[in-house]
Amino acid sequence: MEQQKLPNVTIALVLSILSFICCCFSVGIGGILLSGIALFLVNKDTKLYSENPEDYSNFSTLKTTKIIAIIGLVLGVLTFLWGIYSITSIGGWDAYLEQQREVWEQMGVELE
């Protein structure tokens, strides 16, 4: 019988890699969300593989994807906690937004 590929490995790998990028641009929330979805897909494929291991050929890619998704989840959580700490340590949301406005103006970006 011809071996086939696990159905969700590729999309889980893409989501895991994107979770790294989203950690930076969404205060960790995007990273947590994307890596959580990737872990869900990896767990589905792990169960599928455990039922018939001889039918599938890309289990090593699945293990790599799981490691990348876990790293993305940890980075997302750490980034989220750092964002919460940053917001609370400078005096709340309004002070945080004012600080961000100053940073953007120093970079030469015109804000309303």
PDB file of N, CA and C in Angstrom:
ATOM      1  N   MET A   1       0.837  -1.189   0.000  1.00  0.00           N
ATOM      2  CA  MET A   1       0.000   0.000   0.000  1.00  0.00           C
ATOM      3  C   MET A   1       0.879   1.249   0.000  1.00  0.00           C
ATOM      4  N   GLU A   2       0.469   2.221  -0.764  1.00  0.00           N
ATOM      5  CA  GLU A   2       1.223   3.458  -0.886  1.00  0.00           C
ATOM      6  C   GLU A   2       1.025   4.335   0.344  1.00  0.00           C
ATOM      7  N   GLN A   3       2.139   4.889   0.840  1.00  0.00           N
ATOM      8  CA  GLN A   3       2.040   5.767   2.000  1.00  0.00           C
ATOM      9  C   GLN A   3       1.557   7.146   1.560  1.00  0.00           C
ATOM     10  N   GLN A   4       0.757   7.756   2.412  1.00  0.00           N
ATOM     11  CA  GLN A   4       0.249   9.091   2.135  1.00  0.00           C
ATOM     12  C   GLN A   4       0.728  10.056   3.212  1.00  0.00           C
ATOM     13  N   LYS A   5       0.534  11.325   2.960  1.00  0.00           N
ATOM     14  CA  LYS A   5       0.953  12.336   3.920  1.00  0.00           C
ATOM     15  C   LYS A   5      -0.189  12.644   4.881  1.00  0.00           C
ATOM     16  N   LEU A   6       0.188  13.019   6.087  1.00  0.00           N
ATOM     17  CA  LEU A   6      -0.815  13.434   7.073  1.00  0.00           C
ATOM     18  C   LEU A   6      -1.474  14.727   6.584  1.00  0.00           C
ATOM     19  N   PRO A   7      -2.783  14.872   6.745  1.00  0.00           N
ATOM     20  CA  PRO A   7      -3.503  15.969   6.078  1.00  0.00           C
ATOM     21  C   PRO A   7      -3.249  17.369   6.615  1.00  0.00           C
ATOM     22  N   ASN A   8      -2.909  17.517   7.883  1.00  0.00           N
ATOM     23  CA  ASN A   8      -2.844  18.860   8.463  1.00  0.00           C
ATOM     24  C   ASN A   8      -1.432  19.354   8.747  1.00  0.00           C
ATOM     25  N   VAL A   9      -0.419  18.589   8.385  1.00  0.00           N
ATOM     26  CA  VAL A   9       0.948  18.955   8.746  1.00  0.00           C
ATOM     27  C   VAL A   9       1.380  20.257   8.093  1.00  0.00           C
ATOM     28  N   THR A  10       1.104  20.435   6.832  1.00  0.00           N
ATOM     29  CA  THR A  10       1.580  21.630   6.119  1.00  0.00           C
ATOM     30  C   THR A  10       0.940  22.897   6.665  1.00  0.00           C
ATOM     31  N   ILE A  11      -0.362  22.885   6.845  1.00  0.00           N
ATOM     32  CA  ILE A  11      -1.030  24.087   7.363  1.00  0.00           C
ATOM     33  C   ILE A  11      -0.615  24.359   8.811  1.00  0.00           C
ATOM     34  N   ALA A  12      -0.392  23.311   9.591  1.00  0.00           N
ATOM     35  CA  ALA A  12       0.069  23.507  10.967  1.00  0.00           C
ATOM     36  C   ALA A  12       1.472  24.096  10.991  1.00  0.00           C
ATOM     37  N   LEU A  13       2.316  23.674  10.058  1.00  0.00           N
ATOM     38  CA  LEU A  13       3.667  24.224   9.982  1.00  0.00           C
ATOM     39  C   LEU A  13       3.628  25.701   9.603  1.00  0.00           C
ATOM     40  N   VAL A  14       2.794  26.054   8.640  1.00  0.00           N
ATOM     41  CA  VAL A  14       2.657  27.458   8.241  1.00  0.00           C
ATOM     42  C   VAL A  14       2.133  28.299   9.406  1.00  0.00           C
ATOM     43  N   LEU A  15       1.123  27.800  10.108  1.00  0.00           N
ATOM     44  CA  LEU A  15       0.581  28.539  11.255  1.00  0.00           C
ATOM     45  C   LEU A  15       1.617  28.691  12.355  1.00  0.00           C
ATOM     46  N   SER A  16       2.421  27.665  12.571  1.00  0.00           N
ATOM     47  CA  SER A  16       3.459  27.736  13.603  1.00  0.00           C
ATOM     48  C   SER A  16       4.494  28.793  13.271  1.00  0.00           C
ATOM     49  N   ILE A  17       4.901  28.846  12.020  1.00  0.00           N
ATOM     50  CA  ILE A  17       5.887  29.852  11.610  1.00  0.00           C
ATOM     51  C   ILE A  17       5.289  31.257  11.680  1.00  0.00           C
ATOM     52  N   LEU A  18       4.047  31.410  11.250  1.00  0.00           N
ATOM     53  CA  LEU A  18       3.389  32.721  11.328  1.00  0.00           C
ATOM     54  C   LEU A  18       3.190  33.183  12.766  1.00  0.00           C
ATOM     55  N   SER A  19       3.098  32.236  13.701  1.00  0.00           N
ATOM     56  CA  SER A  19       2.915  32.619  15.100  1.00  0.00           C
ATOM     57  C   SER A  19       4.106  33.413  15.621  1.00  0.00           C
ATOM     58  N   PHE A  20       5.312  33.127  15.099  1.00  0.00           N
ATOM     59  CA  PHE A  20       6.482  33.909  15.504  1.00  0.00           C
ATOM     60  C   PHE A  20       6.324  35.373  15.093  1.00  0.00           C
ATOM     61  N   ILE A  21       5.888  35.583  13.869  1.00  0.00           N
ATOM     62  CA  ILE A  21       5.719  36.949  13.361  1.00  0.00           C
ATOM     63  C   ILE A  21       4.606  37.667  14.115  1.00  0.00           C
ATOM     64  N   CYS A  22       3.518  36.962  14.358  1.00  0.00           N
ATOM     65  CA  CYS A  22       2.371  37.578  15.031  1.00  0.00           C
ATOM     66  C   CYS A  22       2.653  37.906  16.487  1.00  0.00           C
ATOM     67  N   CYS A  23       3.623  37.249  17.082  1.00  0.00           N
ATOM     68  CA  CYS A  23       3.996  37.601  18.458  1.00  0.00           C
ATOM     69  C   CYS A  23       4.470  39.044  18.543  1.00  0.00           C
ATOM     70  N   CYS A  24       5.171  39.472  17.518  1.00  0.00           N
ATOM     71  CA  CYS A  24       5.740  40.816  17.531  1.00  0.00           C
ATOM     72  C   CYS A  24       4.705  41.902  17.268  1.00  0.00           C
ATOM     73  N   PHE A  25       3.719  41.611  16.434  1.00  0.00           N
ATOM     74  CA  PHE A  25       2.805  42.650  15.991  1.00  0.00           C
ATOM     75  C   PHE A  25       1.472  42.672  16.712  1.00  0.00           C
ATOM     76  N   SER A  26       1.227  41.725  17.606  1.00  0.00           N
ATOM     77  CA  SER A  26      -0.080  41.695  18.266  1.00  0.00           C
ATOM     78  C   SER A  26       0.034  41.494  19.768  1.00  0.00           C
ATOM     79  N   VAL A  27       1.129  41.901  20.355  1.00  0.00           N
ATOM     80  CA  VAL A  27       1.384  41.770  21.784  1.00  0.00           C
ATOM     81  C   VAL A  27       1.165  40.322  22.246  1.00  0.00           C
ATOM     82  N   GLY A  28       1.526  39.381  21.405  1.00  0.00           N
ATOM     83  CA  GLY A  28       1.475  37.974  21.760  1.00  0.00           C
ATOM     84  C   GLY A  28       0.175  37.259  21.484  1.00  0.00           C
ATOM     85  N   ILE A  29      -0.907  37.990  21.316  1.00  0.00           N
ATOM     86  CA  ILE A  29      -2.218  37.355  21.150  1.00  0.00           C
ATOM     87  C   ILE A  29      -2.278  36.562  19.846  1.00  0.00           C
ATOM     88  N   GLY A  30      -1.764  37.117  18.770  1.00  0.00           N
ATOM     89  CA  GLY A  30      -1.750  36.408  17.495  1.00  0.00           C
ATOM     90  C   GLY A  30      -0.901  35.157  17.549  1.00  0.00           C
ATOM     91  N   GLY A  31       0.223  35.236  18.225  1.00  0.00           N
ATOM     92  CA  GLY A  31       1.086  34.069  18.372  1.00  0.00           C
ATOM     93  C   GLY A  31       0.425  32.961  19.162  1.00  0.00           C
ATOM     94  N   ILE A  32      -0.273  33.337  20.226  1.00  0.00           N
ATOM     95  CA  ILE A  32      -0.979  32.350  21.039  1.00  0.00           C
ATOM     96  C   ILE A  32      -2.085  31.697  20.228  1.00  0.00           C
ATOM     97  N   LEU A  33      -2.819  32.500  19.502  1.00  0.00           N
ATOM     98  CA  LEU A  33      -3.939  31.986  18.710  1.00  0.00           C
ATOM     99  C   LEU A  33      -3.465  31.048  17.603  1.00  0.00           C
ATOM    100  N   LEU A  34      -2.494  31.486  16.808  1.00  0.00           N
ATOM    101  CA  LEU A  34      -2.033  30.677  15.680  1.00  0.00           C
ATOM    102  C   LEU A  34      -1.328  29.396  16.131  1.00  0.00           C
ATOM    103  N   SER A  35      -0.498  29.489  17.159  1.00  0.00           N
ATOM    104  CA  SER A  35       0.178  28.279  17.617  1.00  0.00           C
ATOM    105  C   SER A  35      -0.794  27.338  18.316  1.00  0.00           C
ATOM    106  N   GLY A  36      -1.836  27.881  18.955  1.00  0.00           N
ATOM    107  CA  GLY A  36      -2.860  27.020  19.539  1.00  0.00           C
ATOM    108  C   GLY A  36      -3.610  26.229  18.480  1.00  0.00           C
ATOM    109  N   ILE A  37      -3.949  26.886  17.377  1.00  0.00           N
ATOM    110  CA  ILE A  37      -4.610  26.191  16.269  1.00  0.00           C
ATOM    111  C   ILE A  37      -3.675  25.138  15.678  1.00  0.00           C
ATOM    112  N   ALA A  38      -2.396  25.494  15.531  1.00  0.00           N
ATOM    113  CA  ALA A  38      -1.428  24.543  14.989  1.00  0.00           C
ATOM    114  C   ALA A  38      -1.289  23.319  15.898  1.00  0.00           C
ATOM    115  N   LEU A  39      -1.267  23.530  17.205  1.00  0.00           N
ATOM    116  CA  LEU A  39      -1.179  22.391  18.132  1.00  0.00           C
ATOM    117  C   LEU A  39      -2.421  21.519  18.054  1.00  0.00           C
ATOM    118  N   PHE A  40      -3.573  22.124  17.881  1.00  0.00           N
ATOM    119  CA  PHE A  40      -4.806  21.353  17.723  1.00  0.00           C
ATOM    120  C   PHE A  40      -4.720  20.462  16.484  1.00  0.00           C
ATOM    121  N   LEU A  41      -4.262  21.030  15.367  1.00  0.00           N
ATOM    122  CA  LEU A  41      -4.128  20.263  14.129  1.00  0.00           C
ATOM    123  C   LEU A  41      -3.078  19.160  14.260  1.00  0.00           C
ATOM    124  N   VAL A  42      -1.983  19.465  14.956  1.00  0.00           N
ATOM    125  CA  VAL A  42      -0.937  18.459  15.165  1.00  0.00           C
ATOM    126  C   VAL A  42      -1.477  17.302  16.000  1.00  0.00           C
ATOM    127  N   ASN A  43      -2.255  17.608  17.025  1.00  0.00           N
ATOM    128  CA  ASN A  43      -2.811  16.543  17.863  1.00  0.00           C
ATOM    129  C   ASN A  43      -3.786  15.670  17.077  1.00  0.00           C
ATOM    130  N   LYS A  44      -4.558  16.292  16.167  1.00  0.00           N
ATOM    131  CA  LYS A  44      -5.446  15.495  15.315  1.00  0.00           C
ATOM    132  C   LYS A  44      -4.648  14.531  14.446  1.00  0.00           C
ATOM    133  N   ASP A  45      -3.575  15.028  13.859  1.00  0.00           N
ATOM    134  CA  ASP A  45      -2.751  14.172  13.006  1.00  0.00           C
ATOM    135  C   ASP A  45      -1.990  13.115  13.803  1.00  0.00           C
ATOM    136  N   THR A  46      -1.606  13.434  15.033  1.00  0.00           N
ATOM    137  CA  THR A  46      -0.937  12.444  15.877  1.00  0.00           C
ATOM    138  C   THR A  46      -1.869  11.283  16.170  1.00  0.00           C
ATOM    139  N   LYS A  47      -3.130  11.585  16.460  1.00  0.00           N
ATOM    140  CA  LYS A  47      -4.109  10.520  16.688  1.00  0.00           C
ATOM    141  C   LYS A  47      -4.322   9.696  15.426  1.00  0.00           C
ATOM    142  N   LEU A  48      -4.383  10.369  14.287  1.00  0.00           N
ATOM    143  CA  LEU A  48      -4.557   9.682  13.015  1.00  0.00           C
ATOM    144  C   LEU A  48      -3.363   8.765  12.729  1.00  0.00           C
ATOM    145  N   TYR A  49      -2.158   9.250  13.014  1.00  0.00           N
ATOM    146  CA  TYR A  49      -0.956   8.461  12.797  1.00  0.00           C
ATOM    147  C   TYR A  49      -0.897   7.265  13.744  1.00  0.00           C
ATOM    148  N   SER A  50      -1.305   7.464  14.987  1.00  0.00           N
ATOM    149  CA  SER A  50      -1.228   6.364  15.954  1.00  0.00           C
ATOM    150  C   SER A  50      -2.190   5.224  15.615  1.00  0.00           C
ATOM    151  N   GLU A  51      -3.261   5.519  14.880  1.00  0.00           N
ATOM    152  CA  GLU A  51      -4.195   4.468  14.469  1.00  0.00           C
ATOM    153  C   GLU A  51      -3.592   3.571  13.392  1.00  0.00           C
ATOM    154  N   ASN A  52      -2.894   4.148  12.423  1.00  0.00           N
ATOM    155  CA  ASN A  52      -2.284   3.401  11.312  1.00  0.00           C
ATOM    156  C   ASN A  52      -0.927   3.993  10.964  1.00  0.00           C
ATOM    157  N   PRO A  53       0.112   3.713  11.731  1.00  0.00           N
ATOM    158  CA  PRO A  53       1.416   4.342  11.463  1.00  0.00           C
ATOM    159  C   PRO A  53       2.046   3.934  10.134  1.00  0.00           C
ATOM    160  N   GLU A  54       1.707   2.768   9.640  1.00  0.00           N
ATOM    161  CA  GLU A  54       2.318   2.328   8.381  1.00  0.00           C
ATOM    162  C   GLU A  54       1.737   3.028   7.155  1.00  0.00           C
ATOM    163  N   ASP A  55       0.630   3.734   7.313  1.00  0.00           N
ATOM    164  CA  ASP A  55      -0.017   4.412   6.185  1.00  0.00           C
ATOM    165  C   ASP A  55       0.548   5.798   5.892  1.00  0.00           C
ATOM    166  N   TYR A  56       1.314   6.358   6.819  1.00  0.00           N
ATOM    167  CA  TYR A  56       1.743   7.754   6.678  1.00  0.00           C
ATOM    168  C   TYR A  56       3.254   7.868   6.678  1.00  0.00           C
ATOM    169  N   SER A  57       3.748   8.824   5.903  1.00  0.00           N
ATOM    170  CA  SER A  57       5.198   8.929   5.702  1.00  0.00           C
ATOM    171  C   SER A  57       5.845  10.151   6.343  1.00  0.00           C
ATOM    172  N   ASN A  58       5.094  11.130   6.771  1.00  0.00           N
ATOM    173  CA  ASN A  58       5.718  12.388   7.216  1.00  0.00           C
ATOM    174  C   ASN A  58       5.548  12.637   8.714  1.00  0.00           C
ATOM    175  N   PHE A  59       5.764  11.615   9.528  1.00  0.00           N
ATOM    176  CA  PHE A  59       5.640  11.797  10.972  1.00  0.00           C
ATOM    177  C   PHE A  59       6.764  12.667  11.528  1.00  0.00           C
ATOM    178  N   SER A  60       7.960  12.624  10.938  1.00  0.00           N
ATOM    179  CA  SER A  60       9.058  13.464  11.430  1.00  0.00           C
ATOM    180  C   SER A  60       8.730  14.951  11.237  1.00  0.00           C
ATOM    181  N   THR A  61       8.060  15.276  10.146  1.00  0.00           N
ATOM    182  CA  THR A  61       7.625  16.658   9.937  1.00  0.00           C
ATOM    183  C   THR A  61       6.591  17.055  10.968  1.00  0.00           C
ATOM    184  N   LEU A  62       5.754  16.122  11.347  1.00  0.00           N
ATOM    185  CA  LEU A  62       4.740  16.385  12.372  1.00  0.00           C
ATOM    186  C   LEU A  62       5.395  16.691  13.714  1.00  0.00           C
ATOM    187  N   LYS A  63       6.435  15.939  14.068  1.00  0.00           N
ATOM    188  CA  LYS A  63       7.135  16.201  15.328  1.00  0.00           C
ATOM    189  C   LYS A  63       7.818  17.565  15.304  1.00  0.00           C
ATOM    190  N   THR A  64       8.419  17.909  14.170  1.00  0.00           N
ATOM    191  CA  THR A  64       9.056  19.223  14.036  1.00  0.00           C
ATOM    192  C   THR A  64       8.025  20.340  14.150  1.00  0.00           C
ATOM    193  N   THR A  65       6.888  20.158  13.522  1.00  0.00           N
ATOM    194  CA  THR A  65       5.823  21.156  13.585  1.00  0.00           C
ATOM    195  C   THR A  65       5.333  21.337  15.007  1.00  0.00           C
ATOM    196  N   LYS A  66       5.224  20.251  15.748  1.00  0.00           N
ATOM    197  CA  LYS A  66       4.780  20.341  17.142  1.00  0.00           C
ATOM    198  C   LYS A  66       5.777  21.144  17.982  1.00  0.00           C
ATOM    199  N   ILE A  67       7.062  20.922  17.762  1.00  0.00           N
ATOM    200  CA  ILE A  67       8.085  21.670  18.511  1.00  0.00           C
ATOM    201  C   ILE A  67       8.013  23.159  18.171  1.00  0.00           C
ATOM    202  N   ILE A  68       7.874  23.481  16.896  1.00  0.00           N
ATOM    203  CA  ILE A  68       7.788  24.884  16.478  1.00  0.00           C
ATOM    204  C   ILE A  68       6.531  25.538  17.060  1.00  0.00           C
ATOM    205  N   ALA A  69       5.417  24.814  17.087  1.00  0.00           N
ATOM    206  CA  ALA A  69       4.171  25.360  17.634  1.00  0.00           C
ATOM    207  C   ALA A  69       4.295  25.608  19.136  1.00  0.00           C
ATOM    208  N   ILE A  70       4.957  24.706  19.837  1.00  0.00           N
ATOM    209  CA  ILE A  70       5.152  24.894  21.285  1.00  0.00           C
ATOM    210  C   ILE A  70       6.036  26.111  21.545  1.00  0.00           C
ATOM    211  N   ILE A  71       7.096  26.262  20.771  1.00  0.00           N
ATOM    212  CA  ILE A  71       7.964  27.435  20.920  1.00  0.00           C
ATOM    213  C   ILE A  71       7.186  28.712  20.628  1.00  0.00           C
ATOM    214  N   GLY A  72       6.370  28.706  19.568  1.00  0.00           N
ATOM    215  CA  GLY A  72       5.542  29.867  19.249  1.00  0.00           C
ATOM    216  C   GLY A  72       4.555  30.199  20.356  1.00  0.00           C
ATOM    217  N   LEU A  73       3.988  29.158  20.974  1.00  0.00           N
ATOM    218  CA  LEU A  73       3.052  29.372  22.080  1.00  0.00           C
ATOM    219  C   LEU A  73       3.759  29.986  23.280  1.00  0.00           C
ATOM    220  N   VAL A  74       4.928  29.473  23.606  1.00  0.00           N
ATOM    221  CA  VAL A  74       5.688  30.015  24.740  1.00  0.00           C
ATOM    222  C   VAL A  74       6.076  31.464  24.473  1.00  0.00           C
ATOM    223  N   LEU A  75       6.562  31.757  23.261  1.00  0.00           N
ATOM    224  CA  LEU A  75       6.913  33.138  22.931  1.00  0.00           C
ATOM    225  C   LEU A  75       5.694  34.052  22.957  1.00  0.00           C
ATOM    226  N   GLY A  76       4.554  33.547  22.487  1.00  0.00           N
ATOM    227  CA  GLY A  76       3.329  34.336  22.530  1.00  0.00           C
ATOM    228  C   GLY A  76       2.905  34.669  23.943  1.00  0.00           C
ATOM    229  N   VAL A  77       2.975  33.679  24.829  1.00  0.00           N
ATOM    230  CA  VAL A  77       2.601  33.909  26.230  1.00  0.00           C
ATOM    231  C   VAL A  77       3.567  34.890  26.885  1.00  0.00           C
ATOM    232  N   LEU A  78       4.871  34.710  26.632  1.00  0.00           N
ATOM    233  CA  LEU A  78       5.857  35.629  27.215  1.00  0.00           C
ATOM    234  C   LEU A  78       5.674  37.056  26.697  1.00  0.00           C
ATOM    235  N   THR A  79       5.404  37.191  25.411  1.00  0.00           N
ATOM    236  CA  THR A  79       5.177  38.513  24.836  1.00  0.00           C
ATOM    237  C   THR A  79       3.914  39.145  25.405  1.00  0.00           C
ATOM    238  N   PHE A  80       2.872  38.341  25.574  1.00  0.00           N
ATOM    239  CA  PHE A  80       1.625  38.843  26.150  1.00  0.00           C
ATOM    240  C   PHE A  80       1.841  39.312  27.585  1.00  0.00           C
ATOM    241  N   LEU A  81       2.550  38.501  28.379  1.00  0.00           N
ATOM    242  CA  LEU A  81       2.823  38.895  29.767  1.00  0.00           C
ATOM    243  C   LEU A  81       3.688  40.147  29.830  1.00  0.00           C
ATOM    244  N   TRP A  82       4.656  40.263  28.908  1.00  0.00           N
ATOM    245  CA  TRP A  82       5.486  41.468  28.873  1.00  0.00           C
ATOM    246  C   TRP A  82       4.648  42.696  28.499  1.00  0.00           C
ATOM    247  N   GLY A  83       3.720  42.525  27.588  1.00  0.00           N
ATOM    248  CA  GLY A  83       2.834  43.630  27.215  1.00  0.00           C
ATOM    249  C   GLY A  83       1.961  44.080  28.378  1.00  0.00           C
ATOM    250  N   ILE A  84       1.405  43.121  29.098  1.00  0.00           N
ATOM    251  CA  ILE A  84       0.591  43.456  30.282  1.00  0.00           C
ATOM    252  C   ILE A  84       1.449  44.175  31.321  1.00  0.00           C
ATOM    253  N   TYR A  85       2.652  43.674  31.548  1.00  0.00           N
ATOM    254  CA  TYR A  85       3.552  44.313  32.504  1.00  0.00           C
ATOM    255  C   TYR A  85       3.888  45.740  32.066  1.00  0.00           C
ATOM    256  N   SER A  86       4.160  45.909  30.773  1.00  0.00           N
ATOM    257  CA  SER A  86       4.516  47.239  30.266  1.00  0.00           C
ATOM    258  C   SER A  86       3.373  48.227  30.440  1.00  0.00           C
ATOM    259  N   ILE A  87       2.169  47.778  30.153  1.00  0.00           N
ATOM    260  CA  ILE A  87       1.007  48.664  30.253  1.00  0.00           C
ATOM    261  C   ILE A  87       0.741  49.042  31.705  1.00  0.00           C
ATOM    262  N   THR A  88       0.828  48.088  32.603  1.00  0.00           N
ATOM    263  CA  THR A  88       0.522  48.384  34.005  1.00  0.00           C
ATOM    264  C   THR A  88       1.636  49.147  34.700  1.00  0.00           C
ATOM    265  N   SER A  89       2.884  48.965  34.261  1.00  0.00           N
ATOM    266  CA  SER A  89       3.995  49.619  34.962  1.00  0.00           C
ATOM    267  C   SER A  89       4.128  51.101  34.621  1.00  0.00           C
ATOM    268  N   ILE A  90       3.577  51.561  33.501  1.00  0.00           N
ATOM    269  CA  ILE A  90       3.745  52.968  33.140  1.00  0.00           C
ATOM    270  C   ILE A  90       2.508  53.801  33.434  1.00  0.00           C
ATOM    271  N   GLY A  91       1.515  53.208  34.058  1.00  0.00           N
ATOM    272  CA  GLY A  91       0.380  54.012  34.481  1.00  0.00           C
ATOM    273  C   GLY A  91      -0.911  53.764  33.747  1.00  0.00           C
ATOM    274  N   GLY A  92      -1.054  52.651  33.097  1.00  0.00           N
ATOM    275  CA  GLY A  92      -2.324  52.333  32.458  1.00  0.00           C
ATOM    276  C   GLY A  92      -2.300  52.473  30.952  1.00  0.00           C
ATOM    277  N   TRP A  93      -3.452  52.248  30.367  1.00  0.00           N
ATOM    278  CA  TRP A  93      -3.599  52.205  28.919  1.00  0.00           C
ATOM    279  C   TRP A  93      -3.334  53.564  28.269  1.00  0.00           C
ATOM    280  N   ASP A  94      -3.852  54.646  28.863  1.00  0.00           N
ATOM    281  CA  ASP A  94      -3.658  55.968  28.273  1.00  0.00           C
ATOM    282  C   ASP A  94      -2.187  56.370  28.253  1.00  0.00           C
ATOM    283  N   ALA A  95      -1.474  56.072  29.324  1.00  0.00           N
ATOM    284  CA  ALA A  95      -0.047  56.382  29.367  1.00  0.00           C
ATOM    285  C   ALA A  95       0.721  55.530  28.349  1.00  0.00           C
ATOM    286  N   TYR A  96       0.298  54.290  28.184  1.00  0.00           N
ATOM    287  CA  TYR A  96       0.925  53.417  27.195  1.00  0.00           C
ATOM    288  C   TYR A  96       0.727  53.958  25.786  1.00  0.00           C
ATOM    289  N   LEU A  97      -0.498  54.382  25.465  1.00  0.00           N
ATOM    290  CA  LEU A  97      -0.774  54.929  24.139  1.00  0.00           C
ATOM    291  C   LEU A  97       0.009  56.218  23.894  1.00  0.00           C
ATOM    292  N   GLU A  98       0.140  57.034  24.914  1.00  0.00           N
ATOM    293  CA  GLU A  98       0.911  58.271  24.781  1.00  0.00           C
ATOM    294  C   GLU A  98       2.387  57.954  24.536  1.00  0.00           C
ATOM    295  N   GLN A  99       2.901  56.964  25.231  1.00  0.00           N
ATOM    296  CA  GLN A  99       4.286  56.558  25.021  1.00  0.00           C
ATOM    297  C   GLN A  99       4.486  56.035  23.593  1.00  0.00           C
ATOM    298  N   GLN A 100       3.538  55.259  23.095  1.00  0.00           N
ATOM    299  CA  GLN A 100       3.635  54.742  21.729  1.00  0.00           C
ATOM    300  C   GLN A 100       3.557  55.876  20.709  1.00  0.00           C
ATOM    301  N   ARG A 101       2.728  56.858  20.973  1.00  0.00           N
ATOM    302  CA  ARG A 101       2.616  58.019  20.089  1.00  0.00           C
ATOM    303  C   ARG A 101       3.959  58.752  20.015  1.00  0.00           C
ATOM    304  N   GLU A 102       4.628  58.910  21.144  1.00  0.00           N
ATOM    305  CA  GLU A 102       5.928  59.578  21.157  1.00  0.00           C
ATOM    306  C   GLU A 102       6.966  58.785  20.363  1.00  0.00           C
ATOM    307  N   VAL A 103       6.925  57.475  20.500  1.00  0.00           N
ATOM    308  CA  VAL A 103       7.864  56.630  19.761  1.00  0.00           C
ATOM    309  C   VAL A 103       7.641  56.776  18.261  1.00  0.00           C
ATOM    310  N   TRP A 104       6.385  56.744  17.821  1.00  0.00           N
ATOM    311  CA  TRP A 104       6.074  56.883  16.393  1.00  0.00           C
ATOM    312  C   TRP A 104       6.488  58.260  15.878  1.00  0.00           C
ATOM    313  N   GLU A 105       6.289  59.308  16.685  1.00  0.00           N
ATOM    314  CA  GLU A 105       6.672  60.649  16.251  1.00  0.00           C
ATOM    315  C   GLU A 105       8.188  60.778  16.144  1.00  0.00           C
ATOM    316  N   GLN A 106       8.923  60.117  17.036  1.00  0.00           N
ATOM    317  CA  GLN A 106      10.380  60.147  16.964  1.00  0.00           C
ATOM    318  C   GLN A 106      10.881  59.444  15.703  1.00  0.00           C
ATOM    319  N   MET A 107      10.125  58.491  15.230  1.00  0.00           N
ATOM    320  CA  MET A 107      10.495  57.781  13.999  1.00  0.00           C
ATOM    321  C   MET A 107      10.086  58.570  12.759  1.00  0.00           C
ATOM    322  N   GLY A 108       9.395  59.668  12.939  1.00  0.00           N
ATOM    323  CA  GLY A 108       9.021  60.517  11.823  1.00  0.00           C
ATOM    324  C   GLY A 108       7.661  60.208  11.236  1.00  0.00           C
ATOM    325  N   VAL A 109       6.853  59.441  11.922  1.00  0.00           N
ATOM    326  CA  VAL A 109       5.526  59.093  11.421  1.00  0.00           C
ATOM    327  C   VAL A 109       4.547  60.136  11.938  1.00  0.00           C
ATOM    328  N   GLU A 110       3.796  60.726  11.017  1.00  0.00           N
ATOM    329  CA  GLU A 110       2.803  61.734  11.384  1.00  0.00           C
ATOM    330  C   GLU A 110       1.512  61.056  11.837  1.00  0.00           C
ATOM    331  N   LEU A 111       1.103  61.320  13.045  1.00  0.00           N
ATOM    332  CA  LEU A 111      -0.162  60.814  13.570  1.00  0.00           C
ATOM    333  C   LEU A 111      -1.124  61.986  13.689  1.00  0.00           C
ATOM    334  N   GLU A 112      -2.344  61.772  13.455  1.00  0.00           N
ATOM    335  CA  GLU A 112      -3.406  62.797  13.456  1.00  0.00           C
ATOM    336  C   GLU A 112      -3.071  63.967  14.305  1.00  0.00           C
TER     337      GLU A 112
END
